[in-house]
Protein backbone atom coordinates (compact mmCIF):
# COMPACT_ATOMS: atom_id res chain seq x y z
CA MET A 1 -26.67 -81.45 -89.16
CA SER A 2 -25.22 -82.30 -92.53
CA ASN A 3 -24.16 -85.79 -93.48
CA ASP A 4 -20.62 -86.90 -92.89
CA SER A 5 -19.75 -87.85 -96.44
CA GLY A 6 -17.77 -84.71 -97.13
CA PRO A 7 -16.68 -84.81 -100.78
CA LEU A 8 -18.90 -83.87 -103.68
CA ASP A 9 -20.63 -86.65 -105.56
CA GLY A 10 -18.45 -88.09 -108.30
CA LEU A 11 -15.13 -87.43 -106.57
CA GLN A 12 -13.25 -90.28 -104.96
CA SER A 13 -12.56 -90.19 -101.25
CA TRP A 14 -8.93 -90.57 -100.28
CA SER A 15 -6.68 -91.04 -97.27
CA GLY A 16 -3.02 -91.07 -96.39
CA ALA A 17 -0.53 -91.21 -93.53
CA VAL A 18 1.83 -88.65 -91.99
CA VAL A 19 5.42 -89.64 -92.77
CA SER A 20 7.40 -86.53 -91.75
CA GLY A 21 7.22 -82.78 -91.24
CA SER A 22 7.06 -80.10 -88.58
CA LEU A 23 4.65 -77.54 -87.18
CA THR A 24 6.38 -74.64 -88.95
CA GLU A 25 7.08 -76.32 -92.31
CA GLY A 26 3.96 -78.49 -92.53
CA LEU A 27 3.40 -82.24 -92.59
CA GLU A 28 4.40 -84.59 -95.40
CA VAL A 29 1.58 -87.05 -96.09
CA ARG A 30 1.95 -90.11 -98.29
CA LEU A 31 -1.27 -90.96 -100.07
CA ASP A 32 -2.60 -94.50 -99.97
CA SER A 33 -2.20 -96.58 -103.10
CA ALA A 34 -5.89 -96.19 -104.01
CA ALA A 35 -5.68 -92.38 -103.88
CA SER A 36 -5.04 -90.30 -106.99
CA ALA A 37 -3.30 -86.96 -106.76
CA GLU A 38 -5.64 -85.75 -109.49
CA ASP A 39 -8.57 -85.87 -107.02
CA ILE A 40 -6.88 -83.60 -104.48
CA LYS A 41 -6.65 -79.80 -104.60
CA VAL A 42 -4.60 -77.23 -102.75
CA GLY A 43 -6.80 -75.58 -100.10
CA THR A 44 -8.79 -78.74 -99.27
CA LEU A 45 -9.57 -79.10 -95.55
CA VAL A 46 -8.40 -82.27 -93.82
CA THR A 47 -8.48 -84.01 -90.45
CA ILE A 48 -5.60 -85.93 -88.90
CA GLU A 49 -6.28 -88.61 -86.31
CA GLY A 50 -3.47 -88.31 -83.76
CA GLU A 51 -2.97 -90.55 -80.77
CA ARG A 52 -4.71 -88.29 -78.24
CA MET A 53 -6.28 -85.54 -80.29
CA ARG A 54 -7.59 -84.71 -83.73
CA PHE A 55 -5.94 -82.10 -85.93
CA PHE A 56 -7.67 -79.89 -88.46
CA GLY A 57 -5.63 -78.51 -91.33
CA GLN A 58 -5.36 -77.52 -94.95
CA ILE A 59 -3.51 -78.88 -97.97
CA THR A 60 -0.87 -76.42 -99.18
CA ASP A 61 0.82 -78.52 -101.88
CA VAL A 62 0.32 -81.66 -103.98
CA SER A 63 3.26 -83.52 -105.51
CA LEU A 64 4.46 -86.82 -106.93
CA ALA A 65 7.26 -88.95 -105.48
CA THR A 66 9.04 -92.24 -106.07
CA THR A 67 11.11 -94.63 -103.98
CA ASP A 68 13.41 -95.38 -106.91
CA PRO A 69 15.09 -92.39 -108.62
CA ALA A 70 15.80 -94.57 -111.63
CA LEU A 71 12.12 -94.50 -112.54
CA SER A 72 12.49 -90.86 -113.52
CA LEU A 73 15.12 -91.81 -116.08
CA THR A 74 13.57 -95.04 -117.35
CA PRO A 75 9.78 -94.96 -116.80
CA PRO A 76 8.11 -98.40 -116.73
CA ASP A 77 5.65 -99.53 -119.39
CA MET A 78 2.42 -98.26 -117.82
CA SER A 79 0.38 -99.64 -120.72
CA ASN A 80 0.76 -103.05 -119.06
CA PRO A 81 -2.06 -103.23 -116.47
CA PHE A 82 -0.07 -105.51 -114.16
CA VAL A 83 2.96 -103.18 -114.16
CA ALA A 84 0.71 -100.18 -113.60
CA ARG A 85 -0.90 -101.84 -110.54
CA VAL A 86 2.47 -102.78 -109.07
CA VAL A 87 4.12 -99.40 -109.58
CA SER A 88 1.23 -97.04 -108.72
CA GLY A 89 0.98 -96.35 -105.02
CA THR A 90 4.10 -98.37 -104.14
CA THR A 91 7.23 -97.39 -106.05
CA ALA A 92 5.53 -94.27 -107.39
CA TYR A 93 3.00 -92.47 -105.19
CA GLY A 94 1.25 -89.19 -104.51
CA LYS A 95 2.21 -86.87 -101.70
CA ILE A 96 0.59 -83.84 -100.12
CA LYS A 97 1.76 -81.19 -97.68
CA VAL A 98 -0.66 -80.30 -94.89
CA GLU A 99 -0.56 -77.26 -92.64
CA PRO A 100 -1.96 -78.24 -89.21
CA ARG A 101 -4.10 -75.31 -88.04
CA LEU A 102 -6.28 -76.43 -85.13
CA THR A 103 -6.55 -79.19 -82.58
CA LEU A 104 -9.71 -80.88 -81.37
CA SER A 105 -9.86 -83.14 -78.36
CA ARG A 106 -11.42 -86.57 -78.89
CA ASP A 107 -14.57 -85.52 -77.02
CA GLN A 108 -14.54 -81.97 -78.40
CA GLY A 109 -17.56 -79.91 -77.41
CA GLU A 110 -18.63 -76.35 -76.79
CA ALA A 111 -17.92 -76.65 -73.08
CA LEU A 112 -14.24 -77.20 -73.86
CA GLY A 113 -13.91 -73.86 -75.60
CA GLY A 114 -13.95 -75.06 -79.20
CA PRO A 115 -11.00 -75.68 -81.52
CA GLN A 116 -7.60 -74.42 -80.37
CA PRO A 117 -4.56 -73.32 -82.44
CA ALA A 118 -2.25 -76.21 -83.23
CA LYS A 119 0.94 -76.07 -81.15
CA THR A 120 2.23 -79.57 -81.80
CA VAL A 121 2.08 -82.24 -84.49
CA PRO A 122 0.52 -85.72 -84.69
CA ALA A 123 2.61 -88.87 -84.45
CA HIS A 124 4.17 -90.70 -87.38
CA PHE A 125 1.70 -92.55 -89.59
CA SER A 126 -1.35 -90.73 -88.19
CA ARG A 127 -4.24 -91.12 -90.62
CA VAL A 128 -5.20 -88.16 -92.83
CA ALA A 129 -8.49 -87.76 -94.69
CA GLN A 130 -10.65 -85.04 -96.16
CA ALA A 131 -12.75 -83.25 -93.54
CA THR A 132 -16.41 -84.21 -93.28
CA ASP A 133 -19.46 -81.97 -93.04
CA ARG A 134 -19.58 -82.62 -89.31
CA ASP A 135 -15.96 -81.50 -88.95
CA ILE A 136 -16.70 -78.27 -90.81
CA GLU A 137 -19.67 -77.44 -88.58
CA LEU A 138 -17.67 -78.21 -85.46
CA VAL A 139 -14.85 -75.88 -86.46
CA PHE A 140 -16.70 -73.03 -88.22
CA GLY A 141 -20.09 -73.27 -86.55
CA ALA A 142 -23.54 -74.14 -87.84
CA GLU A 143 -25.76 -71.51 -89.43
CA ASP A 144 -27.60 -69.49 -86.77
CA GLU A 145 -28.14 -65.87 -85.72
CA ARG A 146 -24.42 -65.43 -85.03
CA HIS A 147 -22.97 -67.59 -87.81
CA PHE A 148 -23.64 -66.53 -91.38
CA TRP A 149 -23.32 -68.97 -94.26
CA ILE A 150 -20.77 -67.47 -96.63
CA GLY A 151 -19.95 -70.37 -98.96
CA HIS A 152 -18.68 -73.93 -99.26
CA PRO A 153 -15.24 -75.48 -98.70
CA LEU A 154 -13.57 -76.84 -101.80
CA ASP A 155 -15.23 -79.99 -103.17
CA MET A 156 -17.87 -79.99 -100.45
CA GLU A 157 -21.49 -78.86 -100.28
CA THR A 158 -21.62 -78.26 -96.54
CA LYS A 159 -22.29 -74.69 -95.42
CA LEU A 160 -19.21 -72.89 -94.17
CA CYS A 161 -20.04 -70.01 -91.83
CA LEU A 162 -18.24 -67.00 -90.45
CA ASP A 163 -18.89 -65.36 -87.11
CA ILE A 164 -20.78 -62.26 -88.20
CA ALA A 165 -20.80 -60.81 -84.67
CA GLU A 166 -17.02 -61.08 -84.55
CA LEU A 167 -16.72 -59.70 -88.08
CA VAL A 168 -18.19 -56.29 -87.21
CA THR A 169 -15.91 -55.76 -84.20
CA ARG A 170 -13.05 -54.73 -86.52
CA SER A 171 -12.64 -53.27 -89.98
CA ASN A 172 -12.46 -55.79 -92.84
CA GLY A 173 -11.49 -55.98 -96.50
CA VAL A 174 -12.66 -57.63 -99.73
CA PHE A 175 -9.92 -57.79 -102.37
CA GLY A 176 -9.56 -59.23 -105.86
CA LYS A 177 -8.98 -58.23 -109.43
CA SER A 178 -11.88 -56.99 -111.53
CA GLY A 179 -14.50 -59.60 -112.39
CA THR A 180 -13.66 -62.11 -109.65
CA GLY A 181 -16.84 -61.55 -107.61
CA LYS A 182 -15.99 -58.88 -105.02
CA THR A 183 -19.36 -57.16 -105.42
CA PHE A 184 -21.30 -60.41 -104.96
CA LEU A 185 -19.40 -61.29 -101.80
CA THR A 186 -19.86 -57.75 -100.48
CA ARG A 187 -23.63 -58.06 -101.04
CA LEU A 188 -23.61 -61.29 -99.05
CA LEU A 189 -21.67 -59.74 -96.17
CA LEU A 190 -24.02 -56.76 -96.07
CA ALA A 191 -27.04 -59.10 -96.13
CA GLY A 192 -25.52 -61.12 -93.30
CA ILE A 193 -25.17 -57.98 -91.18
CA VAL A 194 -28.80 -57.05 -91.92
CA GLN A 195 -30.02 -60.55 -91.00
CA SER A 196 -27.98 -60.79 -87.80
CA ARG A 197 -28.97 -57.33 -86.50
CA VAL A 198 -25.51 -56.93 -84.93
CA ALA A 199 -24.83 -53.61 -86.67
CA SER A 200 -26.14 -51.12 -89.21
CA ASN A 201 -24.70 -50.61 -92.69
CA LEU A 202 -23.81 -47.36 -94.41
CA VAL A 203 -22.83 -48.16 -97.99
CA PHE A 204 -21.24 -45.60 -100.29
CA ASP A 205 -22.55 -47.25 -103.44
CA MET A 206 -20.21 -46.04 -106.15
CA HIS A 207 -21.62 -48.15 -108.98
CA ASN A 208 -25.28 -48.40 -107.83
CA GLU A 209 -24.99 -52.11 -107.07
CA TYR A 210 -26.34 -52.50 -103.54
CA GLY A 211 -29.54 -50.46 -103.19
CA TRP A 212 -32.56 -51.49 -105.26
CA LYS A 213 -30.87 -53.72 -107.82
CA GLY A 214 -27.47 -54.48 -109.29
CA SER A 215 -25.79 -56.26 -112.16
CA SER A 216 -25.51 -60.01 -112.32
CA GLU A 217 -22.10 -61.61 -112.65
CA GLY A 218 -20.85 -60.79 -116.12
CA GLY A 219 -23.28 -57.86 -116.36
CA SER A 220 -25.78 -59.77 -118.50
CA GLY A 221 -28.74 -59.36 -116.16
CA GLU A 222 -29.95 -57.90 -112.88
CA VAL A 223 -30.04 -59.08 -109.29
CA LYS A 224 -31.98 -57.81 -106.30
CA GLY A 225 -30.36 -55.26 -104.04
CA LEU A 226 -30.71 -54.89 -100.27
CA LYS A 227 -33.85 -52.77 -100.55
CA GLN A 228 -35.73 -55.44 -102.51
CA LEU A 229 -34.57 -58.19 -100.16
CA PHE A 230 -35.13 -56.46 -96.84
CA GLY A 231 -37.71 -53.76 -97.60
CA SER A 232 -38.24 -51.21 -94.85
CA LYS A 233 -35.05 -52.23 -93.06
CA VAL A 234 -33.06 -50.46 -95.80
CA GLY A 235 -33.18 -46.84 -96.87
CA VAL A 236 -31.85 -45.83 -100.29
CA PHE A 237 -30.40 -42.32 -100.33
CA SER A 238 -29.39 -40.74 -103.62
CA LEU A 239 -26.85 -38.19 -104.73
CA ASP A 240 -28.40 -38.25 -108.21
CA GLU A 241 -32.19 -38.41 -107.93
CA GLU A 242 -32.73 -38.55 -111.70
CA SER A 243 -30.50 -41.61 -112.05
CA THR A 244 -32.19 -43.42 -109.15
CA ARG A 245 -35.66 -42.83 -110.59
CA ARG A 246 -34.55 -44.05 -114.01
CA ARG A 247 -33.65 -47.35 -112.37
CA GLY A 248 -37.16 -47.71 -110.98
CA LEU A 249 -36.87 -46.42 -107.41
CA THR A 250 -37.97 -43.32 -105.58
CA PRO A 251 -35.15 -42.52 -103.13
CA ASP A 252 -35.93 -42.25 -99.44
CA TYR A 253 -33.84 -39.09 -99.28
CA VAL A 254 -31.94 -36.94 -101.77
CA VAL A 255 -28.55 -35.90 -100.42
CA ARG A 256 -27.40 -32.32 -100.88
CA ILE A 257 -24.09 -30.80 -99.78
CA GLY A 258 -23.89 -27.09 -98.96
CA TYR A 259 -20.80 -25.10 -99.95
CA GLY A 260 -20.50 -24.14 -96.31
CA GLU A 261 -20.11 -27.77 -95.29
CA ILE A 262 -16.83 -28.23 -97.16
CA GLU A 263 -13.76 -27.53 -95.06
CA ALA A 264 -10.12 -27.17 -95.99
CA GLU A 265 -9.55 -30.66 -94.63
CA ASP A 266 -11.88 -32.07 -97.29
CA ILE A 267 -9.67 -30.61 -100.02
CA GLN A 268 -6.58 -32.51 -98.89
CA ILE A 269 -8.03 -35.88 -99.84
CA LEU A 270 -8.91 -34.52 -103.31
CA ARG A 271 -5.30 -33.79 -104.22
CA GLU A 272 -4.87 -36.76 -106.54
CA SER A 273 -8.31 -36.70 -108.17
CA LEU A 274 -8.13 -32.92 -108.78
CA ASP A 275 -4.42 -33.04 -109.69
CA LEU A 276 -3.48 -30.50 -107.02
CA SER A 277 0.02 -29.83 -105.73
CA SER A 278 0.58 -29.98 -101.99
CA VAL A 279 1.12 -26.20 -101.98
CA ALA A 280 -2.19 -25.59 -103.74
CA ALA A 281 -4.10 -27.92 -101.41
CA GLU A 282 -2.55 -26.35 -98.31
CA SER A 283 -3.70 -22.93 -99.50
CA ALA A 284 -7.26 -23.93 -98.58
CA TYR A 285 -6.39 -23.56 -94.88
CA SER A 286 -5.34 -19.94 -95.39
CA LEU A 287 -8.54 -19.25 -97.32
CA GLN A 288 -10.60 -20.80 -94.53
CA GLY A 289 -8.77 -18.63 -92.01
CA LYS A 290 -9.57 -15.45 -93.93
CA PHE A 291 -13.17 -16.01 -94.99
CA GLY A 292 -14.36 -18.38 -92.25
CA ALA A 293 -15.19 -22.11 -92.26
CA ARG A 294 -18.72 -21.62 -93.67
CA LYS A 295 -17.93 -19.04 -96.35
CA TRP A 296 -14.43 -19.65 -97.64
CA LEU A 297 -15.29 -21.91 -100.58
CA LYS A 298 -18.04 -19.72 -102.11
CA GLU A 299 -16.05 -16.52 -101.57
CA PHE A 300 -13.03 -18.08 -103.24
CA LEU A 301 -14.96 -19.53 -106.19
CA ASP A 302 -16.66 -16.16 -106.75
CA LEU A 303 -13.33 -14.46 -107.48
CA LYS A 304 -13.15 -13.13 -111.06
CA GLY A 305 -9.98 -13.19 -113.09
CA ALA A 306 -6.27 -13.44 -112.43
CA ALA A 307 -6.08 -9.97 -110.92
CA GLU A 308 -8.36 -10.76 -107.99
CA ILE A 309 -6.62 -14.09 -107.38
CA GLY A 310 -3.20 -12.42 -107.49
CA GLU A 311 -4.31 -9.72 -105.06
CA LEU A 312 -5.60 -12.35 -102.63
CA ALA A 313 -2.39 -14.37 -102.96
CA ASN A 314 -0.31 -11.29 -102.08
CA GLU A 315 -2.56 -10.52 -99.11
CA LEU A 316 -2.25 -14.04 -97.69
CA ASN A 317 1.39 -14.48 -98.75
CA LEU A 318 0.49 -17.47 -100.93
CA ASN A 319 1.99 -18.73 -104.17
CA THR A 320 -0.02 -17.05 -106.94
CA THR A 321 0.35 -19.92 -109.40
CA ALA A 322 -0.72 -22.51 -106.80
CA LEU A 323 -3.73 -20.42 -105.73
CA ALA A 324 -4.80 -19.96 -109.34
CA ALA A 325 -4.53 -23.72 -109.90
CA LEU A 326 -6.65 -24.36 -106.82
CA HIS A 327 -9.28 -21.90 -108.09
CA ARG A 328 -9.45 -23.60 -111.49
CA ARG A 329 -9.68 -27.12 -110.06
CA LEU A 330 -12.34 -26.26 -107.47
CA GLN A 331 -14.56 -24.72 -110.13
CA ARG A 332 -15.28 -28.34 -110.99
CA LEU A 333 -17.37 -28.57 -107.81
CA ARG A 334 -19.87 -26.14 -109.30
CA ARG A 335 -20.74 -28.73 -111.93
CA PHE A 336 -21.94 -31.12 -109.24
CA ARG A 337 -25.71 -30.75 -109.06
CA PHE A 338 -25.72 -32.04 -105.49
CA MET A 339 -23.75 -28.97 -104.39
CA ASP A 340 -26.04 -26.23 -103.07
CA GLU A 341 -25.50 -22.71 -101.78
CA GLN A 342 -28.27 -23.16 -99.22
CA GLU A 343 -27.17 -23.94 -95.68
CA ASP A 344 -30.23 -25.76 -94.35
CA HIS A 345 -29.33 -29.28 -95.49
CA ASP A 346 -28.83 -31.99 -92.90
CA SER A 347 -27.92 -35.12 -94.84
CA VAL A 348 -25.85 -36.36 -91.90
CA GLY A 349 -28.80 -35.97 -89.57
CA GLU A 350 -31.08 -37.92 -91.92
CA ILE A 351 -28.57 -40.76 -92.20
CA LEU A 352 -28.17 -40.88 -88.44
CA ASN A 353 -31.95 -40.98 -87.95
CA TYR A 354 -32.06 -44.18 -89.99
CA LEU A 355 -29.07 -45.70 -88.23
CA LYS A 356 -30.43 -44.92 -84.77
CA ARG A 357 -33.52 -46.97 -85.61
CA GLY A 358 -31.33 -49.95 -86.49
CA MET A 359 -31.89 -49.46 -90.23
CA HIS A 360 -29.36 -49.60 -93.05
CA VAL A 361 -28.52 -46.86 -95.55
CA VAL A 362 -27.27 -47.25 -99.13
CA LEU A 363 -26.14 -43.99 -100.71
CA GLU A 364 -26.29 -44.31 -104.49
CA PHE A 365 -24.01 -42.01 -106.45
CA GLY A 366 -25.80 -42.37 -109.78
CA SER A 367 -23.84 -40.72 -112.59
CA TYR A 368 -21.38 -39.30 -110.04
CA GLY A 369 -20.00 -42.76 -109.40
CA ARG A 370 -17.88 -42.24 -112.52
CA ASP A 371 -16.36 -39.11 -111.01
CA MET A 372 -13.77 -40.06 -108.43
CA ALA A 373 -13.59 -36.52 -107.04
CA ALA A 374 -17.33 -36.54 -106.27
CA TYR A 375 -17.16 -39.98 -104.66
CA ILE A 376 -14.17 -39.13 -102.49
CA LEU A 377 -15.52 -35.73 -101.47
CA VAL A 378 -18.96 -36.95 -100.41
CA ALA A 379 -17.84 -40.19 -98.75
CA ASN A 380 -15.11 -38.48 -96.73
CA LEU A 381 -17.24 -35.46 -95.79
CA LEU A 382 -20.24 -37.48 -94.61
CA THR A 383 -18.14 -40.10 -92.83
CA ARG A 384 -16.15 -37.50 -90.91
CA ARG A 385 -19.30 -35.83 -89.62
CA ILE A 386 -21.08 -39.11 -88.83
CA TYR A 387 -18.00 -40.32 -87.01
CA ASP A 388 -17.87 -37.11 -84.95
CA ARG A 389 -21.48 -37.72 -83.87
CA TYR A 390 -20.63 -41.31 -82.92
CA VAL A 391 -17.67 -40.16 -80.85
CA GLN A 392 -19.90 -37.72 -78.98
CA SER A 393 -22.60 -40.34 -78.42
CA LYS A 394 -20.15 -42.99 -77.25
CA GLU A 395 -18.39 -40.64 -74.83
CA GLN A 396 -21.73 -39.39 -73.52
CA ALA A 397 -22.88 -42.95 -72.95
CA SER A 398 -19.64 -43.74 -71.10
CA THR A 399 -19.80 -40.71 -68.80
CA GLU A 400 -23.56 -40.43 -68.29
CA GLY A 401 -24.60 -44.07 -68.54
CA GLY A 402 -26.74 -43.61 -71.64
CA VAL A 403 -27.33 -45.96 -74.56
CA GLU A 404 -24.38 -46.47 -76.87
CA PRO A 405 -24.89 -45.78 -80.59
CA THR A 406 -25.77 -48.72 -82.81
CA PRO A 407 -22.56 -50.33 -84.18
CA LEU A 408 -21.97 -49.11 -87.71
CA VAL A 409 -20.16 -50.70 -90.68
CA ILE A 410 -19.21 -48.23 -93.43
CA THR A 411 -18.58 -49.75 -96.87
CA ILE A 412 -16.29 -47.93 -99.31
CA GLU A 413 -15.23 -49.01 -102.79
CA GLU A 414 -11.95 -48.06 -104.48
CA ALA A 415 -10.60 -47.91 -100.94
CA HIS A 416 -7.01 -47.23 -102.00
CA ARG A 417 -8.11 -43.77 -103.12
CA PHE A 418 -8.85 -42.91 -99.48
CA LEU A 419 -6.09 -44.91 -97.82
CA THR A 420 -2.86 -44.39 -99.75
CA ARG A 421 0.31 -43.80 -97.77
CA GLU A 422 0.22 -40.14 -98.79
CA VAL A 423 -3.32 -39.28 -97.66
CA ALA A 424 -4.22 -41.98 -95.12
CA GLY A 425 -3.21 -39.74 -92.23
CA GLN A 426 -5.55 -37.01 -93.47
CA THR A 427 -8.70 -39.11 -93.92
CA ILE A 428 -11.22 -40.25 -91.37
CA PHE A 429 -11.15 -43.75 -92.83
CA ALA A 430 -7.61 -44.47 -91.66
CA ALA A 431 -8.53 -43.31 -88.15
CA ILE A 432 -11.56 -45.62 -88.10
CA ALA A 433 -9.47 -48.61 -89.21
CA ARG A 434 -6.85 -47.99 -86.55
CA GLU A 435 -9.29 -47.51 -83.69
CA MET A 436 -10.89 -50.95 -84.16
CA ARG A 437 -14.46 -50.05 -83.19
CA LYS A 438 -13.44 -47.87 -80.26
CA TYR A 439 -16.40 -45.66 -81.10
CA ASN A 440 -18.64 -48.41 -82.56
CA VAL A 441 -17.66 -47.66 -86.17
CA THR A 442 -15.77 -50.00 -88.51
CA LEU A 443 -15.05 -50.22 -92.24
CA LEU A 444 -15.65 -52.74 -95.00
CA VAL A 445 -13.14 -51.78 -97.68
CA VAL A 446 -13.55 -53.15 -101.21
CA ASP A 447 -10.63 -52.82 -103.60
CA GLN A 448 -8.76 -54.40 -106.50
CA ARG A 449 -5.44 -52.75 -105.63
CA PRO A 450 -4.64 -53.59 -102.00
CA SER A 451 -0.99 -52.65 -102.57
CA GLY A 452 -2.15 -49.03 -102.82
CA ILE A 453 -3.49 -49.06 -99.24
CA ASP A 454 -1.28 -47.90 -96.40
CA GLU A 455 0.47 -50.86 -94.71
CA GLU A 456 -0.60 -49.80 -91.22
CA VAL A 457 -4.24 -49.68 -92.27
CA MET A 458 -3.98 -53.11 -93.94
CA SER A 459 -2.52 -54.53 -90.73
CA GLN A 460 -5.57 -53.37 -88.77
CA LEU A 461 -8.12 -55.19 -90.94
CA GLY A 462 -9.59 -57.98 -88.87
CA THR A 463 -10.83 -60.32 -91.61
CA LYS A 464 -9.78 -60.38 -95.26
CA PHE A 465 -11.58 -61.94 -98.20
CA ALA A 466 -9.09 -62.36 -101.03
CA TYR A 467 -10.11 -63.34 -104.53
CA LEU A 468 -7.58 -64.02 -107.28
CA LEU A 469 -4.91 -61.32 -107.54
CA ASP A 470 -2.52 -61.25 -110.49
CA ASN A 471 -0.13 -58.61 -109.16
CA GLU A 472 2.65 -59.76 -106.81
CA ARG A 473 2.57 -56.50 -104.86
CA ASP A 474 -1.15 -56.93 -104.24
CA VAL A 475 -0.61 -60.50 -103.02
CA ASP A 476 2.15 -59.31 -100.68
CA ALA A 477 -0.07 -56.55 -99.33
CA VAL A 478 -2.98 -58.89 -98.56
CA LEU A 479 -0.80 -61.52 -96.86
CA SER A 480 1.52 -59.12 -95.07
CA GLY A 481 1.79 -59.82 -91.36
CA ILE A 482 -0.23 -63.05 -91.56
CA SER A 483 1.19 -66.11 -89.83
CA GLY A 484 1.97 -68.69 -92.50
CA GLY A 485 1.58 -66.12 -95.25
CA ARG A 486 4.18 -67.81 -97.44
CA LYS A 487 2.17 -71.03 -97.46
CA LEU A 488 -1.11 -69.20 -98.04
CA ARG A 489 0.41 -67.67 -101.16
CA SER A 490 0.14 -71.03 -102.95
CA VAL A 491 -3.50 -71.33 -101.89
CA LEU A 492 -4.27 -67.82 -103.13
CA ALA A 493 -2.51 -68.50 -106.43
CA SER A 494 -4.61 -71.63 -106.99
CA LEU A 495 -7.97 -69.83 -106.83
CA ASP A 496 -10.27 -69.98 -109.84
CA SER A 497 -10.91 -66.66 -111.56
CA LYS A 498 -14.49 -66.45 -110.26
CA GLN A 499 -16.43 -67.27 -107.09
CA GLN A 500 -13.46 -68.60 -105.09
CA ALA A 501 -11.89 -66.67 -102.23
CA LEU A 502 -9.40 -67.15 -99.43
CA VAL A 503 -10.86 -66.03 -96.09
CA PHE A 504 -8.70 -65.42 -93.05
CA GLY A 505 -8.79 -63.36 -89.88
CA HIS A 506 -10.88 -62.86 -86.76
CA ALA A 507 -14.25 -64.01 -88.11
CA VAL A 508 -13.00 -67.53 -88.97
CA PRO A 509 -10.94 -69.87 -86.75
CA MET A 510 -8.39 -70.51 -89.52
CA PRO A 511 -7.67 -69.48 -93.12
CA VAL A 512 -10.00 -71.27 -95.52
CA GLU A 513 -10.58 -71.33 -99.25
CA ILE A 514 -14.25 -71.13 -100.16
CA ARG A 515 -16.56 -71.26 -103.13
CA THR A 516 -18.88 -68.37 -102.31
CA ARG A 517 -22.58 -69.14 -102.10
CA ASP A 518 -24.85 -68.20 -104.97
CA TYR A 519 -26.49 -64.80 -105.16
CA GLY A 520 -29.07 -63.89 -107.76
CA THR A 521 -31.15 -67.06 -108.00
CA PRO A 522 -34.68 -67.45 -106.57
CA GLN A 523 -33.38 -69.97 -104.05
CA SER A 524 -30.57 -67.65 -102.94
CA TYR A 525 -33.11 -64.88 -102.29
CA LYS A 526 -35.30 -67.28 -100.35
CA ASP A 527 -32.31 -68.36 -98.26
CA LEU A 528 -31.84 -64.71 -97.32
CA GLY A 529 -35.45 -64.46 -96.17
CA PHE A 530 -36.99 -62.84 -99.24
CA ILE A 531 -40.59 -63.80 -100.06
CA GLU A 532 -41.91 -63.26 -103.59
CA ALA A 533 -45.08 -61.14 -103.89
CA ALA A 534 -47.29 -64.07 -104.99
CA GLU A 535 -46.12 -66.24 -102.10
CA LEU A 536 -46.56 -63.38 -99.65
CA HIS A 537 -50.10 -62.77 -100.92
CA ALA A 538 -50.94 -66.46 -100.52
CA LYS A 539 -49.57 -66.51 -96.98
CA THR A 540 -51.48 -63.36 -96.07
CA LYS A 541 -54.69 -64.87 -97.44
CA GLU A 542 -54.05 -68.03 -95.42
CA TYR A 543 -53.55 -66.03 -92.22
CA VAL A 544 -56.75 -64.06 -92.84
CA GLU A 545 -58.75 -67.25 -93.41
CA ASP A 546 -57.31 -68.75 -90.23
CA LEU A 547 -58.57 -65.71 -88.31
CA TYR A 548 -61.91 -65.03 -90.00
CA GLY A 549 -62.69 -68.12 -92.03
CA PRO A 550 -62.93 -68.48 -95.83
CA ALA A 551 -64.22 -65.48 -97.74
CA GLY A 552 -67.98 -65.59 -98.05
CA GLY A 553 -68.23 -68.20 -95.28
């Protein structure tokens, strides 16, 4: 258990009293004369000592007030120490607005069901103070197999945890503009899932950041990836074997996609990245009907010249210009080295073999991470087939009493490319988000443009991690449908540009602003269970000597 001091060293503690307010608009708190508004930040967690219960809330605004309006017109001479002491805290004082979020009974304990949503307000002049470490642990839980340490509350060093088991029961999102720390937080969430063993990860690693190693914040160095931290628990698959080997790792499996695996449905999601019209994209279904699901793409790409394309368009009653455009755009697929005319590949089966054993898979895209068409094609194609297998396994388990498939969290970057209003209905990712783990599959979407994601999909995300966003539409999208969203807007706007995030949703009992824990230092690796080679060798030697005695003895 942490100490009860709460604030960071060097910052003054403060207190105040409730003077007015309501449950919907928040409580007005007058700060005591010894308190300085400069020491208090929006987003700070507080406790309120009511008459019969304790309240747990969050500061949503800090302001200055005065009992005499004339002071605003004729300020007193604050250079006089006596005048300054008389005026400060009496005639002029600091004020904060607090949003009461939870209630705790005086003898709060686990047997009582934990903190409950606030449905009333404390009495006039109830005392308000910054929450202590003990309060944080009581509300958010102490670090254990179920609760994963994600960061620290503002101006505190206590560990703030989220319920990792609850997190994976629904799809979730990490949002923020470029450079705010989305990748670092995503690494932490993935590591928490690995540690907790509540689900398996499948990561579509667009920028090669999660497998063996990644870039440090600012890109000036390197940090360990999941494979280095967790060893045999993680398999690194590669779409670009040459790129993976250049970065010092032999992939566990090299993914290949056969032409026969691509269906007309896969082309629909490529409309934007291949600059296809809706008529051109829809033509793929007619081609699939003529040539068959396994042969249509190769047969179509093998056509030579405008004459053959025009003849086929007339035969299928298709627009010749649209069909020619589709032929030109799909020729791009032939430049992808992972595409193969052979039909004996089973990349889906290999991924599932790892997942069935409770392992985690990171699919590195190598140089193809810079090609949005390649990323979208492969991520959508593999996910659709993996999801189909999960549906079959889950239904079989339900009807025949077998073992359900291991819960799976699929991580996708640039999520708005898959989940726009125009294409969300045609992608497997939107279906997964809406079904909320019905078939043991959920998403972790990572994006810097949440406004580009379909509103219905956004509403289904269980927990959101929002870093600083500088676009009003993105802020609206993240906070849409959230109770108290208007008040959370001020908290979100006050975030620092790096390593601070607003967390809200099912995995935490209330919205909370955090300073995310470090990732990339030796201590941070150790906290995640990583043991350096020298230390591991020393421990192994110690175990051997315990069993057999000192060497030569």
